[in-house]
Amino acid sequence: MRKSIVAFAAALALPLPAPALSQAPAQIALERYQPIAGSWSYRAIAGGSEAGFADSAATQRLVIRCNRAVRTVSIVRTAVPAAAPALSVWTSSAARSLPARFEATKVLTADVSATDTLLDALAFSRGRFATAAAGAPMLTHPASPEVARVVEDCRT
């Protein structure tokens, strides 16, 4: 049943249902999904840097943030309607469900070590990558050099 739902959603370019929380997300064919319209920005912040993605309505949807002091990169998904224990990430070469913390501002944050290979997969994903959480739809984001720059900032 799940396989037919996924195939149907893919054919219509609809968001996929959130993966079961007890398992890692399966790799998906990202090329079937159009990235949401918007743009990336990069900025230096105290203790690191961040790349932010805002949609065409200028609503911040995703932030990739480097904390140099502890050498971690946070993947921050905004507008998550309810607490979720994990943030799922898909790239053209990797898929992983990351432990996450939910804040009352409807923000879900997952932290990974600056040396984690998932960050390379994000930085070099072919054209797009996606994020999702339980209760929040999958969003496909356009790949960007700003993400690679934040990852590199955290590794130097």
Protein backbone atom coordinates (compact mmCIF):
# COMPACT_ATOMS: atom_id res chain seq x y z
CA MET A 1 0.00 0.00 0.00
CA ARG A 2 2.74 2.49 0.98
CA LYS A 3 4.58 1.81 -2.28
CA SER A 4 1.50 2.69 -4.33
CA ILE A 5 0.95 5.92 -2.34
CA VAL A 6 4.57 6.94 -2.93
CA ALA A 7 4.32 6.17 -6.65
CA PHE A 8 1.05 8.11 -6.94
CA ALA A 9 2.46 11.13 -5.04
CA ALA A 10 5.60 11.07 -7.18
CA ALA A 11 3.60 10.97 -10.39
CA LEU A 12 1.62 14.02 -9.32
CA ALA A 13 4.67 15.81 -7.85
CA LEU A 14 2.90 15.95 -4.48
CA PRO A 15 4.72 15.93 -1.15
CA LEU A 16 5.49 12.44 0.08
CA PRO A 17 3.94 11.26 3.32
CA ALA A 18 6.37 11.67 6.19
CA PRO A 19 8.43 8.49 6.72
CA ALA A 20 7.75 6.27 9.69
CA LEU A 21 9.71 7.61 12.63
CA SER A 22 11.12 4.24 13.62
CA GLN A 23 13.04 3.81 10.38
CA ALA A 24 15.49 5.72 8.22
CA PRO A 25 13.91 7.37 5.19
CA ALA A 26 14.22 5.48 1.93
CA GLN A 27 16.14 7.12 -0.89
CA ILE A 28 13.76 8.85 -3.30
CA ALA A 29 14.12 10.05 -6.89
CA LEU A 30 14.55 13.76 -6.13
CA GLU A 31 14.62 14.68 -9.81
CA ARG A 32 10.86 14.04 -9.84
CA TYR A 33 10.26 16.89 -7.41
CA GLN A 34 10.43 20.56 -8.35
CA PRO A 35 12.23 22.69 -5.75
CA ILE A 36 10.06 25.34 -4.13
CA ALA A 37 10.56 28.83 -5.55
CA GLY A 38 12.73 31.14 -3.50
CA SER A 39 16.32 32.10 -2.88
CA TRP A 40 19.28 31.37 -0.65
CA SER A 41 21.29 33.96 1.27
CA TYR A 42 24.54 33.69 3.20
CA ARG A 43 25.66 35.69 6.19
CA ALA A 44 28.35 35.63 8.83
CA ILE A 45 26.99 35.42 12.37
CA ALA A 46 28.67 35.52 15.77
CA GLY A 47 30.54 32.23 16.11
CA GLY A 48 29.93 31.00 12.57
CA SER A 49 27.78 31.51 9.50
CA GLU A 50 24.42 30.54 8.08
CA ALA A 51 22.66 29.97 4.80
CA GLY A 52 18.95 30.72 4.80
CA PHE A 53 16.32 29.76 2.26
CA ALA A 54 13.29 32.02 1.89
CA ASP A 55 10.39 31.08 -0.36
CA SER A 56 8.90 33.41 -2.98
CA ALA A 57 6.73 35.04 -0.27
CA ALA A 58 9.95 35.83 1.68
CA THR A 59 9.08 33.30 4.40
CA GLN A 60 12.16 31.66 5.89
CA ARG A 61 11.81 27.89 5.29
CA LEU A 62 15.23 26.42 6.07
CA VAL A 63 18.47 27.51 7.72
CA ILE A 64 21.82 25.71 7.63
CA ARG A 65 23.90 27.16 10.50
CA CYS A 66 27.52 26.62 11.52
CA ASN A 67 28.58 26.81 15.16
CA ARG A 68 32.38 26.89 14.96
CA ALA A 69 32.91 26.64 18.73
CA VAL A 70 31.45 23.14 18.88
CA ARG A 71 32.01 22.28 15.20
CA THR A 72 28.39 21.43 14.48
CA VAL A 73 26.05 22.32 11.67
CA SER A 74 22.39 22.78 12.51
CA ILE A 75 19.70 22.07 9.95
CA VAL A 76 16.74 24.20 10.98
CA ARG A 77 13.31 23.63 9.43
CA THR A 78 10.71 26.33 10.16
CA ALA A 79 6.90 26.18 10.24
CA VAL A 80 6.72 22.65 11.64
CA PRO A 81 3.21 22.48 13.13
CA ALA A 82 3.90 20.05 15.98
CA ALA A 83 6.74 18.44 17.87
CA ALA A 84 8.59 15.79 15.89
CA PRO A 85 11.47 13.63 17.17
CA ALA A 86 13.31 13.59 13.85
CA LEU A 87 14.08 15.62 10.74
CA SER A 88 14.37 13.56 7.56
CA VAL A 89 16.82 14.72 4.89
CA TRP A 90 17.13 13.45 1.31
CA THR A 91 19.89 14.36 -1.15
CA SER A 92 20.80 12.90 -4.52
CA SER A 93 23.24 10.52 -2.79
CA ALA A 94 22.02 10.04 0.79
CA ALA A 95 18.94 9.87 2.99
CA ARG A 96 18.87 10.06 6.75
CA SER A 97 16.55 10.70 9.66
CA LEU A 98 18.24 12.92 12.25
CA PRO A 99 17.30 13.30 15.92
CA ALA A 100 15.80 16.77 16.33
CA ARG A 101 14.52 19.16 18.95
CA PHE A 102 11.31 21.16 18.62
CA GLU A 103 10.95 24.71 19.86
CA ALA A 104 7.70 26.50 20.71
CA THR A 105 8.33 28.81 17.74
CA LYS A 106 7.50 25.84 15.48
CA VAL A 107 11.13 25.30 14.56
CA LEU A 108 12.69 21.84 14.30
CA THR A 109 16.48 21.66 14.61
CA ALA A 110 18.85 18.76 13.94
CA ASP A 111 22.56 19.08 14.74
CA VAL A 112 25.30 17.12 12.99
CA SER A 113 29.05 17.10 13.36
CA ALA A 114 30.83 19.35 10.86
CA THR A 115 32.62 16.24 9.56
CA ASP A 116 29.43 14.26 8.91
CA THR A 117 29.24 13.02 5.32
CA LEU A 118 25.56 14.04 5.14
CA LEU A 119 26.81 17.64 4.90
CA ASP A 120 28.85 16.75 1.81
CA ALA A 121 25.73 15.16 0.35
CA LEU A 122 23.77 18.38 1.05
CA ALA A 123 26.48 20.62 -0.39
CA PHE A 124 26.87 18.58 -3.57
CA SER A 125 23.34 17.28 -4.12
CA ARG A 126 22.39 17.41 -7.79
CA GLY A 127 20.07 20.37 -8.12
CA ARG A 128 17.96 19.82 -5.00
CA PHE A 129 17.56 18.21 -1.61
CA ALA A 130 14.51 17.68 0.58
CA THR A 131 13.49 17.82 4.23
CA ALA A 132 10.43 16.55 6.10
CA ALA A 133 9.19 15.83 9.60
CA ALA A 134 6.22 14.04 11.08
CA GLY A 135 3.24 16.33 10.59
CA ALA A 136 5.09 18.56 8.11
CA PRO A 137 5.19 18.03 4.34
CA MET A 138 8.31 17.23 2.42
CA LEU A 139 9.85 20.41 1.01
CA THR A 140 12.28 20.22 -1.88
CA HIS A 141 14.91 22.96 -1.71
CA PRO A 142 17.18 24.02 -4.57
CA ALA A 143 20.85 23.13 -4.03
CA SER A 144 23.06 26.14 -3.44
CA PRO A 145 26.71 27.15 -3.05
CA GLU A 146 25.70 28.98 0.15
CA VAL A 147 25.16 25.60 1.85
CA ALA A 148 28.62 24.41 0.79
CA ARG A 149 30.12 27.65 2.09
CA VAL A 150 28.56 27.17 5.56
CA VAL A 151 29.81 23.57 5.71
CA GLU A 152 33.31 24.69 4.72
CA ASP A 153 33.22 27.51 7.30
CA CYS A 154 32.56 24.93 10.02
CA ARG A 155 35.40 22.69 8.91
CA THR A 156 38.16 25.30 8.82
